[in-house]
Amino acid sequence: MSALTVITPPSERKLKNHVSLTQSLANSFTMAYRGLLKIKRTPEQLFDVTLQPIIFTVMFAYLFGGAVAGSVQTYLPNLIPGILVQTVITTSVVTGVQLREDMDKGVFDRFKSLPIARIAPLAGALLADTLRYAIATTITFVVGFIMGYRPAGGIGFVILAGLLVIVSSWAISWIFAFFGVIARTASSVQGISFMVLFPLTFLSNAYVPVDSLPDWLRWFVNINPVSHLVTAVRDLANHGTFGADGWLALLGAAVIVAVFAPLTVRAYMRKA
């Protein structure tokens, strides 16, 4: 056996398996802080949540505004919620990619030798990425406001709409975290994730009216969970209401967490 091999004593492994809830939470927040420090040291990690909302909003507004709604100003109340949902959900892919990269680089092997809760590195990564979702949400609404978007629901309901998207994206990040744990490479995580996301985000009501679609595609768009989330955000921001689509979005988020959180934790624990 190599002299450099790190062996965790049985007593220490037992201690890590029986840490208190308070210690687990503290360790998770410490790991989340580590994730924020990584962003500080490599700010290019924020390019997707800072540049993508700007590029997509301007591009889609001027490409489709006149054709879909007659003008850019008329199109913005429908476009901004769609851009917001697509941008933030797409950002959640990074959770799985970075998780896989940390595991490939041996970072998680180092964590095994520390007297911390085994779940802390995974929980911390998921917590840290909520900052990315908040940044993407804020920038999307700010760009929309600069372009002339005036949400009739008011600032309070705009904040609620943003929180709904952040909660939903956090739930979806569990799916990509699962891919990050079981996949062999970071590139495969990214490839699998975008194969799942692109049909869901583009084959939705985010950019075009559902009535303009053929019947077979309209059926899929109407049951697409992304469509329910986009509609819920539009209702909150544009009308100050929270209806069935909002509850369906929350239910979908809860189901995802209920299914993928245990799967991810179980797969992660086997390697941690």
C-alpha atoms as a PDB file:
ATOM      1  CA  MET A   1       0.000   0.000   0.000  1.00  0.00           C
ATOM      2  CA  SER A   2       1.307   3.438  -0.924  1.00  0.00           C
ATOM      3  CA  ALA A   3       2.536   5.644   1.881  1.00  0.00           C
ATOM      4  CA  LEU A   4       0.468   8.453   0.426  1.00  0.00           C
ATOM      5  CA  THR A   5      -2.820   6.569   0.752  1.00  0.00           C
ATOM      6  CA  VAL A   6      -5.190   8.268   3.190  1.00  0.00           C
ATOM      7  CA  ILE A   7      -6.883   5.786   5.511  1.00  0.00           C
ATOM      8  CA  THR A   8      -9.785   6.930   7.624  1.00  0.00           C
ATOM      9  CA  PRO A   9      -9.715   5.157  10.997  1.00  0.00           C
ATOM     10  CA  PRO A  10     -12.832   3.075  11.799  1.00  0.00           C
ATOM     11  CA  SER A  11     -13.600   5.248  14.818  1.00  0.00           C
ATOM     12  CA  GLU A  12     -13.525   8.359  12.644  1.00  0.00           C
ATOM     13  CA  ARG A  13     -15.722   6.764   9.961  1.00  0.00           C
ATOM     14  CA  LYS A  14     -18.209   5.825  12.676  1.00  0.00           C
ATOM     15  CA  LEU A  15     -18.142   9.390  13.986  1.00  0.00           C
ATOM     16  CA  LYS A  16     -18.808  10.784  10.491  1.00  0.00           C
ATOM     17  CA  ASN A  17     -21.776   8.438  10.100  1.00  0.00           C
ATOM     18  CA  HIS A  18     -23.344   9.617  13.354  1.00  0.00           C
ATOM     19  CA  VAL A  19     -22.832  13.375  13.347  1.00  0.00           C
ATOM     20  CA  SER A  20     -25.664  15.459  14.696  1.00  0.00           C
ATOM     21  CA  LEU A  21     -28.123  17.329  12.518  1.00  0.00           C
ATOM     22  CA  THR A  22     -26.697  20.629  13.745  1.00  0.00           C
ATOM     23  CA  GLN A  23     -23.168  19.609  12.775  1.00  0.00           C
ATOM     24  CA  SER A  24     -24.373  18.340   9.393  1.00  0.00           C
ATOM     25  CA  LEU A  25     -26.038  21.687   8.688  1.00  0.00           C
ATOM     26  CA  ALA A  26     -22.951  23.596   9.815  1.00  0.00           C
ATOM     27  CA  ASN A  27     -20.703  21.455   7.625  1.00  0.00           C
ATOM     28  CA  SER A  28     -23.058  21.906   4.666  1.00  0.00           C
ATOM     29  CA  PHE A  29     -23.011  25.687   4.998  1.00  0.00           C
ATOM     30  CA  THR A  30     -19.221  25.590   5.245  1.00  0.00           C
ATOM     31  CA  MET A  31     -19.086  23.642   1.998  1.00  0.00           C
ATOM     32  CA  ALA A  32     -21.523  26.109   0.443  1.00  0.00           C
ATOM     33  CA  TYR A  33     -19.148  28.897   1.441  1.00  0.00           C
ATOM     34  CA  ARG A  34     -16.366  26.959  -0.279  1.00  0.00           C
ATOM     35  CA  GLY A  35     -18.478  26.958  -3.432  1.00  0.00           C
ATOM     36  CA  LEU A  36     -18.913  30.731  -3.215  1.00  0.00           C
ATOM     37  CA  LEU A  37     -15.147  31.183  -2.794  1.00  0.00           C
ATOM     38  CA  LYS A  38     -14.628  29.178  -5.994  1.00  0.00           C
ATOM     39  CA  ILE A  39     -16.872  31.637  -7.821  1.00  0.00           C
ATOM     40  CA  LYS A  40     -14.957  34.575  -6.329  1.00  0.00           C
ATOM     41  CA  ARG A  41     -11.627  33.160  -7.501  1.00  0.00           C
ATOM     42  CA  THR A  42     -12.913  32.153 -10.944  1.00  0.00           C
ATOM     43  CA  PRO A  43     -15.605  34.703 -11.807  1.00  0.00           C
ATOM     44  CA  GLU A  44     -15.881  33.313 -15.341  1.00  0.00           C
ATOM     45  CA  GLN A  45     -18.091  30.635 -13.759  1.00  0.00           C
ATOM     46  CA  LEU A  46     -20.793  33.301 -13.702  1.00  0.00           C
ATOM     47  CA  PHE A  47     -20.719  33.969 -17.433  1.00  0.00           C
ATOM     48  CA  ASP A  48     -23.699  31.692 -18.061  1.00  0.00           C
ATOM     49  CA  VAL A  49     -25.884  33.433 -15.456  1.00  0.00           C
ATOM     50  CA  THR A  50     -24.802  36.961 -16.402  1.00  0.00           C
ATOM     51  CA  LEU A  51     -24.361  36.957 -20.183  1.00  0.00           C
ATOM     52  CA  GLN A  52     -26.908  34.327 -21.202  1.00  0.00           C
ATOM     53  CA  PRO A  53     -29.975  36.210 -19.890  1.00  0.00           C
ATOM     54  CA  ILE A  54     -28.847  39.382 -21.675  1.00  0.00           C
ATOM     55  CA  ILE A  55     -28.069  37.678 -24.990  1.00  0.00           C
ATOM     56  CA  PHE A  56     -31.188  35.506 -25.034  1.00  0.00           C
ATOM     57  CA  THR A  57     -33.544  38.315 -24.024  1.00  0.00           C
ATOM     58  CA  VAL A  58     -32.284  40.763 -26.650  1.00  0.00           C
ATOM     59  CA  MET A  59     -31.997  38.103 -29.358  1.00  0.00           C
ATOM     60  CA  PHE A  60     -35.422  36.526 -28.908  1.00  0.00           C
ATOM     61  CA  ALA A  61     -37.156  39.865 -28.350  1.00  0.00           C
ATOM     62  CA  TYR A  62     -36.014  41.323 -31.652  1.00  0.00           C
ATOM     63  CA  LEU A  63     -36.185  38.056 -33.606  1.00  0.00           C
ATOM     64  CA  PHE A  64     -39.666  36.984 -32.563  1.00  0.00           C
ATOM     65  CA  GLY A  65     -41.281  40.094 -31.068  1.00  0.00           C
ATOM     66  CA  GLY A  66     -42.748  41.440 -34.286  1.00  0.00           C
ATOM     67  CA  ALA A  67     -43.689  38.045 -35.712  1.00  0.00           C
ATOM     68  CA  VAL A  68     -45.296  36.628 -32.569  1.00  0.00           C
ATOM     69  CA  ALA A  69     -46.839  39.646 -30.834  1.00  0.00           C
ATOM     70  CA  GLY A  70     -46.642  42.495 -33.347  1.00  0.00           C
ATOM     71  CA  SER A  71     -43.987  44.428 -31.432  1.00  0.00           C
ATOM     72  CA  VAL A  72     -41.172  43.933 -28.950  1.00  0.00           C
ATOM     73  CA  GLN A  73     -43.011  45.772 -26.174  1.00  0.00           C
ATOM     74  CA  THR A  74     -46.076  43.585 -26.538  1.00  0.00           C
ATOM     75  CA  TYR A  75     -43.936  40.451 -26.563  1.00  0.00           C
ATOM     76  CA  LEU A  76     -41.911  41.206 -23.429  1.00  0.00           C
ATOM     77  CA  PRO A  77     -44.592  40.181 -20.843  1.00  0.00           C
ATOM     78  CA  ASN A  78     -44.625  36.709 -22.402  1.00  0.00           C
ATOM     79  CA  LEU A  79     -40.921  36.525 -23.218  1.00  0.00           C
ATOM     80  CA  ILE A  80     -39.303  37.550 -19.918  1.00  0.00           C
ATOM     81  CA  PRO A  81     -40.899  34.752 -17.842  1.00  0.00           C
ATOM     82  CA  GLY A  82     -39.968  32.257 -20.568  1.00  0.00           C
ATOM     83  CA  ILE A  83     -36.353  33.458 -20.725  1.00  0.00           C
ATOM     84  CA  LEU A  84     -36.183  33.427 -16.923  1.00  0.00           C
ATOM     85  CA  VAL A  85     -37.352  29.825 -16.608  1.00  0.00           C
ATOM     86  CA  GLN A  86     -35.105  28.569 -19.412  1.00  0.00           C
ATOM     87  CA  THR A  87     -32.015  30.411 -18.159  1.00  0.00           C
ATOM     88  CA  VAL A  88     -32.276  29.397 -14.521  1.00  0.00           C
ATOM     89  CA  ILE A  89     -33.188  25.776 -15.254  1.00  0.00           C
ATOM     90  CA  THR A  90     -30.292  25.506 -17.700  1.00  0.00           C
ATOM     91  CA  THR A  91     -27.993  26.926 -15.036  1.00  0.00           C
ATOM     92  CA  SER A  92     -28.861  24.013 -12.735  1.00  0.00           C
ATOM     93  CA  VAL A  93     -26.882  21.703 -15.034  1.00  0.00           C
ATOM     94  CA  VAL A  94     -23.696  23.204 -13.591  1.00  0.00           C
ATOM     95  CA  THR A  95     -24.418  21.487 -10.263  1.00  0.00           C
ATOM     96  CA  GLY A  96     -23.914  18.035 -11.752  1.00  0.00           C
ATOM     97  CA  VAL A  97     -20.981  19.057 -13.945  1.00  0.00           C
ATOM     98  CA  GLN A  98     -18.996  20.633 -11.100  1.00  0.00           C
ATOM     99  CA  LEU A  99     -19.841  17.753  -8.788  1.00  0.00           C
ATOM    100  CA  ARG A 100     -18.410  15.291 -11.308  1.00  0.00           C
ATOM    101  CA  GLU A 101     -15.319  17.473 -11.821  1.00  0.00           C
ATOM    102  CA  ASP A 102     -14.651  17.592  -8.070  1.00  0.00           C
ATOM    103  CA  MET A 103     -14.966  13.822  -7.849  1.00  0.00           C
ATOM    104  CA  ASP A 104     -12.662  13.316 -10.851  1.00  0.00           C
ATOM    105  CA  LYS A 105     -10.018  15.639  -9.409  1.00  0.00           C
ATOM    106  CA  GLY A 106      -9.951  13.792  -6.097  1.00  0.00           C
ATOM    107  CA  VAL A 107     -11.391  16.689  -4.094  1.00  0.00           C
ATOM    108  CA  PHE A 108     -14.061  14.463  -2.577  1.00  0.00           C
ATOM    109  CA  ASP A 109     -11.428  11.889  -1.649  1.00  0.00           C
ATOM    110  CA  ARG A 110      -9.819  14.568   0.509  1.00  0.00           C
ATOM    111  CA  PHE A 111     -13.153  15.295   2.160  1.00  0.00           C
ATOM    112  CA  LYS A 112     -13.362  11.638   3.238  1.00  0.00           C
ATOM    113  CA  SER A 113     -10.409  12.156   5.568  1.00  0.00           C
ATOM    114  CA  LEU A 114     -12.010  15.155   7.291  1.00  0.00           C
ATOM    115  CA  PRO A 115     -14.181  14.879  10.430  1.00  0.00           C
ATOM    116  CA  ILE A 116     -17.264  16.254   8.659  1.00  0.00           C
ATOM    117  CA  ALA A 117     -20.673  14.896   7.738  1.00  0.00           C
ATOM    118  CA  ARG A 118     -20.417  12.728   4.639  1.00  0.00           C
ATOM    119  CA  ILE A 119     -23.401  14.484   3.044  1.00  0.00           C
ATOM    120  CA  ALA A 120     -21.929  17.979   3.559  1.00  0.00           C
ATOM    121  CA  PRO A 121     -20.009  18.323   0.247  1.00  0.00           C
ATOM    122  CA  LEU A 122     -23.093  17.357  -1.772  1.00  0.00           C
ATOM    123  CA  ALA A 123     -25.480  19.537   0.238  1.00  0.00           C
ATOM    124  CA  GLY A 124     -23.046  22.456   0.154  1.00  0.00           C
ATOM    125  CA  ALA A 125     -22.757  22.300  -3.631  1.00  0.00           C
ATOM    126  CA  LEU A 126     -26.540  22.404  -4.000  1.00  0.00           C
ATOM    127  CA  LEU A 127     -26.823  25.317  -1.582  1.00  0.00           C
ATOM    128  CA  ALA A 128     -24.087  27.361  -3.249  1.00  0.00           C
ATOM    129  CA  ASP A 129     -25.720  27.098  -6.660  1.00  0.00           C
ATOM    130  CA  THR A 130     -28.855  28.853  -5.408  1.00  0.00           C
ATOM    131  CA  LEU A 131     -26.802  32.065  -5.581  1.00  0.00           C
ATOM    132  CA  ARG A 132     -26.323  31.439  -9.301  1.00  0.00           C
ATOM    133  CA  TYR A 133     -30.083  31.066  -9.734  1.00  0.00           C
ATOM    134  CA  ALA A 134     -30.696  34.313  -7.855  1.00  0.00           C
ATOM    135  CA  ILE A 135     -28.185  36.186 -10.033  1.00  0.00           C
ATOM    136  CA  ALA A 136     -29.733  34.863 -13.262  1.00  0.00           C
ATOM    137  CA  THR A 137     -33.224  35.756 -12.020  1.00  0.00           C
ATOM    138  CA  THR A 138     -32.245  39.303 -11.069  1.00  0.00           C
ATOM    139  CA  ILE A 139     -30.410  39.999 -14.321  1.00  0.00           C
ATOM    140  CA  THR A 140     -33.282  38.676 -16.446  1.00  0.00           C
ATOM    141  CA  PHE A 141     -35.811  40.981 -14.790  1.00  0.00           C
ATOM    142  CA  VAL A 142     -33.403  43.940 -14.916  1.00  0.00           C
ATOM    143  CA  VAL A 143     -32.732  43.460 -18.641  1.00  0.00           C
ATOM    144  CA  GLY A 144     -36.458  43.155 -19.271  1.00  0.00           C
ATOM    145  CA  PHE A 145     -37.093  46.370 -17.332  1.00  0.00           C
ATOM    146  CA  ILE A 146     -34.424  48.213 -19.350  1.00  0.00           C
ATOM    147  CA  MET A 147     -36.091  47.027 -22.564  1.00  0.00           C
ATOM    148  CA  GLY A 148     -39.471  48.292 -21.390  1.00  0.00           C
ATOM    149  CA  TYR A 149     -41.007  45.383 -19.486  1.00  0.00           C
ATOM    150  CA  ARG A 150     -43.311  46.620 -16.732  1.00  0.00           C
ATOM    151  CA  PRO A 151     -44.770  43.684 -14.738  1.00  0.00           C
ATOM    152  CA  ALA A 152     -48.273  44.641 -13.688  1.00  0.00           C
ATOM    153  CA  GLY A 153     -48.177  42.386 -10.660  1.00  0.00           C
ATOM    154  CA  GLY A 154     -45.785  44.714  -8.847  1.00  0.00           C
ATOM    155  CA  ILE A 155     -42.434  44.175  -7.164  1.00  0.00           C
ATOM    156  CA  GLY A 156     -43.828  41.828  -4.506  1.00  0.00           C
ATOM    157  CA  PHE A 157     -45.208  39.347  -7.016  1.00  0.00           C
ATOM    158  CA  VAL A 158     -42.093  39.662  -9.171  1.00  0.00           C
ATOM    159  CA  ILE A 159     -40.043  38.545  -6.157  1.00  0.00           C
ATOM    160  CA  LEU A 160     -42.441  35.649  -5.587  1.00  0.00           C
ATOM    161  CA  ALA A 161     -42.111  34.678  -9.245  1.00  0.00           C
ATOM    162  CA  GLY A 162     -38.333  34.706  -8.905  1.00  0.00           C
ATOM    163  CA  LEU A 163     -38.479  32.591  -5.754  1.00  0.00           C
ATOM    164  CA  LEU A 164     -40.728  30.071  -7.499  1.00  0.00           C
ATOM    165  CA  VAL A 165     -38.191  29.690 -10.305  1.00  0.00           C
ATOM    166  CA  ILE A 166     -35.281  29.391  -7.852  1.00  0.00           C
ATOM    167  CA  VAL A 167     -37.082  26.706  -5.813  1.00  0.00           C
ATOM    168  CA  SER A 168     -38.010  24.774  -8.951  1.00  0.00           C
ATOM    169  CA  SER A 169     -34.459  24.988 -10.316  1.00  0.00           C
ATOM    170  CA  TRP A 170     -33.017  23.846  -6.998  1.00  0.00           C
ATOM    171  CA  ALA A 171     -35.314  20.826  -7.175  1.00  0.00           C
ATOM    172  CA  ILE A 172     -34.256  20.095 -10.765  1.00  0.00           C
ATOM    173  CA  SER A 173     -30.583  20.373  -9.763  1.00  0.00           C
ATOM    174  CA  TRP A 174     -31.060  17.114  -7.828  1.00  0.00           C
ATOM    175  CA  ILE A 175     -31.558  15.361 -11.174  1.00  0.00           C
ATOM    176  CA  PHE A 176     -28.284  16.694 -12.533  1.00  0.00           C
ATOM    177  CA  ALA A 177     -26.520  16.020  -9.231  1.00  0.00           C
ATOM    178  CA  PHE A 178     -27.592  12.395  -9.658  1.00  0.00           C
ATOM    179  CA  PHE A 179     -26.121  12.367 -13.153  1.00  0.00           C
ATOM    180  CA  GLY A 180     -22.970  13.925 -11.721  1.00  0.00           C
ATOM    181  CA  VAL A 181     -22.552  11.124  -9.203  1.00  0.00           C
ATOM    182  CA  ILE A 182     -23.231   8.180 -11.542  1.00  0.00           C
ATOM    183  CA  ALA A 183     -21.695   9.489 -14.796  1.00  0.00           C
ATOM    184  CA  ARG A 184     -18.096   8.788 -15.739  1.00  0.00           C
ATOM    185  CA  THR A 185     -17.081  12.243 -16.982  1.00  0.00           C
ATOM    186  CA  ALA A 186     -18.181  15.855 -16.634  1.00  0.00           C
ATOM    187  CA  SER A 187     -18.728  16.130 -20.392  1.00  0.00           C
ATOM    188  CA  SER A 188     -21.133  13.190 -20.331  1.00  0.00           C
ATOM    189  CA  VAL A 189     -23.089  14.869 -17.516  1.00  0.00           C
ATOM    190  CA  GLN A 190     -23.401  18.020 -19.605  1.00  0.00           C
ATOM    191  CA  GLY A 191     -24.374  16.087 -22.726  1.00  0.00           C
ATOM    192  CA  ILE A 192     -27.059  14.018 -20.987  1.00  0.00           C
ATOM    193  CA  SER A 193     -28.436  17.056 -19.163  1.00  0.00           C
ATOM    194  CA  PHE A 194     -28.857  19.184 -22.264  1.00  0.00           C
ATOM    195  CA  MET A 195     -30.468  16.287 -24.127  1.00  0.00           C
ATOM    196  CA  VAL A 196     -33.113  16.313 -21.397  1.00  0.00           C
ATOM    197  CA  LEU A 197     -33.416  20.098 -21.053  1.00  0.00           C
ATOM    198  CA  PHE A 198     -33.561  21.311 -24.637  1.00  0.00           C
ATOM    199  CA  PRO A 199     -36.795  19.494 -25.595  1.00  0.00           C
ATOM    200  CA  LEU A 200     -38.428  20.510 -22.316  1.00  0.00           C
ATOM    201  CA  THR A 201     -37.508  24.202 -22.540  1.00  0.00           C
ATOM    202  CA  PHE A 202     -37.973  24.832 -26.257  1.00  0.00           C
ATOM    203  CA  LEU A 203     -41.025  22.585 -26.707  1.00  0.00           C
ATOM    204  CA  SER A 204     -42.968  24.655 -24.212  1.00  0.00           C
ATOM    205  CA  ASN A 205     -45.033  27.830 -24.140  1.00  0.00           C
ATOM    206  CA  ALA A 206     -41.951  29.922 -23.282  1.00  0.00           C
ATOM    207  CA  TYR A 207     -41.609  31.618 -26.672  1.00  0.00           C
ATOM    208  CA  VAL A 208     -44.656  31.045 -28.870  1.00  0.00           C
ATOM    209  CA  PRO A 209     -48.411  30.771 -28.206  1.00  0.00           C
ATOM    210  CA  VAL A 210     -49.604  27.212 -27.771  1.00  0.00           C
ATOM    211  CA  ASP A 211     -52.505  27.806 -30.182  1.00  0.00           C
ATOM    212  CA  SER A 212     -50.066  28.285 -33.068  1.00  0.00           C
ATOM    213  CA  LEU A 213     -48.683  24.757 -32.710  1.00  0.00           C
ATOM    214  CA  PRO A 214     -49.898  21.583 -34.463  1.00  0.00           C
ATOM    215  CA  ASP A 215     -52.202  19.370 -32.407  1.00  0.00           C
ATOM    216  CA  TRP A 216     -49.659  16.633 -31.688  1.00  0.00           C
ATOM    217  CA  LEU A 217     -47.099  19.136 -30.434  1.00  0.00           C
ATOM    218  CA  ARG A 218     -49.686  21.175 -28.540  1.00  0.00           C
ATOM    219  CA  TRP A 219     -50.556  18.075 -26.516  1.00  0.00           C
ATOM    220  CA  PHE A 220     -46.947  17.700 -25.358  1.00  0.00           C
ATOM    221  CA  VAL A 221     -46.537  21.418 -24.625  1.00  0.00           C
ATOM    222  CA  ASN A 222     -49.683  21.446 -22.485  1.00  0.00           C
ATOM    223  CA  ILE A 223     -48.433  18.616 -20.258  1.00  0.00           C
ATOM    224  CA  ASN A 224     -44.825  19.832 -20.217  1.00  0.00           C
ATOM    225  CA  PRO A 225     -43.947  20.822 -16.603  1.00  0.00           C
ATOM    226  CA  VAL A 226     -41.830  23.715 -17.938  1.00  0.00           C
ATOM    227  CA  SER A 227     -44.987  25.175 -19.522  1.00  0.00           C
ATOM    228  CA  HIS A 228     -46.746  25.098 -16.147  1.00  0.00           C
ATOM    229  CA  LEU A 229     -43.806  26.866 -14.507  1.00  0.00           C
ATOM    230  CA  VAL A 230     -43.667  29.540 -17.235  1.00  0.00           C
ATOM    231  CA  THR A 231     -47.422  30.150 -16.932  1.00  0.00           C
ATOM    232  CA  ALA A 232     -47.151  30.382 -13.155  1.00  0.00           C
ATOM    233  CA  VAL A 233     -44.369  32.985 -13.442  1.00  0.00           C
ATOM    234  CA  ARG A 234     -46.433  34.981 -15.963  1.00  0.00           C
ATOM    235  CA  ASP A 235     -49.462  34.898 -13.674  1.00  0.00           C
ATOM    236  CA  LEU A 236     -47.433  36.133 -10.714  1.00  0.00           C
ATOM    237  CA  ALA A 237     -45.416  38.820 -12.492  1.00  0.00           C
ATOM    238  CA  ASN A 238     -48.012  40.084 -14.974  1.00  0.00           C
ATOM    239  CA  HIS A 239     -51.252  39.624 -13.040  1.00  0.00           C
ATOM    240  CA  GLY A 240     -50.377  39.177  -9.378  1.00  0.00           C
ATOM    241  CA  THR A 241     -52.172  35.826  -9.198  1.00  0.00           C
ATOM    242  CA  PHE A 242     -51.170  32.310  -8.197  1.00  0.00           C
ATOM    243  CA  GLY A 243     -53.309  29.614  -9.762  1.00  0.00           C
ATOM    244  CA  ALA A 244     -53.325  25.937 -10.658  1.00  0.00           C
ATOM    245  CA  ASP A 245     -50.120  26.175 -12.691  1.00  0.00           C
ATOM    246  CA  GLY A 246     -48.264  27.495  -9.672  1.00  0.00           C
ATOM    247  CA  TRP A 247     -49.413  24.613  -7.509  1.00  0.00           C
ATOM    248  CA  LEU A 248     -48.512  22.151 -10.257  1.00  0.00           C
ATOM    249  CA  ALA A 249     -45.029  23.690 -10.454  1.00  0.00           C
ATOM    250  CA  LEU A 250     -44.551  23.309  -6.699  1.00  0.00           C
ATOM    251  CA  LEU A 251     -45.932  19.770  -6.788  1.00  0.00           C
ATOM    252  CA  GLY A 252     -43.546  18.893  -9.612  1.00  0.00           C
ATOM    253  CA  ALA A 253     -40.606  20.297  -7.632  1.00  0.00           C
ATOM    254  CA  ALA A 254     -41.623  18.291  -4.561  1.00  0.00           C
ATOM    255  CA  VAL A 255     -41.937  15.073  -6.597  1.00  0.00           C
ATOM    256  CA  ILE A 256     -38.487  15.591  -8.156  1.00  0.00           C
ATOM    257  CA  VAL A 257     -36.873  16.100  -4.750  1.00  0.00           C
ATOM    258  CA  ALA A 258     -38.756  13.114  -3.289  1.00  0.00           C
ATOM    259  CA  VAL A 259     -37.513  10.855  -6.088  1.00  0.00           C
ATOM    260  CA  PHE A 260     -34.028  12.121  -6.918  1.00  0.00           C
ATOM    261  CA  ALA A 261     -32.780  13.321  -3.522  1.00  0.00           C
ATOM    262  CA  PRO A 262     -32.770   9.781  -2.048  1.00  0.00           C
ATOM    263  CA  LEU A 263     -31.313   8.338  -5.274  1.00  0.00           C
ATOM    264  CA  THR A 264     -28.561  10.960  -5.349  1.00  0.00           C
ATOM    265  CA  VAL A 265     -27.722  10.637  -1.661  1.00  0.00           C
ATOM    266  CA  ARG A 266     -27.639   6.830  -1.878  1.00  0.00           C
ATOM    267  CA  ALA A 267     -25.371   6.874  -4.932  1.00  0.00           C
ATOM    268  CA  TYR A 268     -23.188   9.563  -3.371  1.00  0.00           C
ATOM    269  CA  MET A 269     -22.846   7.740  -0.048  1.00  0.00           C
ATOM    270  CA  ARG A 270     -21.544   4.658  -1.835  1.00  0.00           C
ATOM    271  CA  LYS A 271     -18.640   6.757  -3.095  1.00  0.00           C
ATOM    272  CA  ALA A 272     -18.210   9.037  -0.088  1.00  0.00           C
END
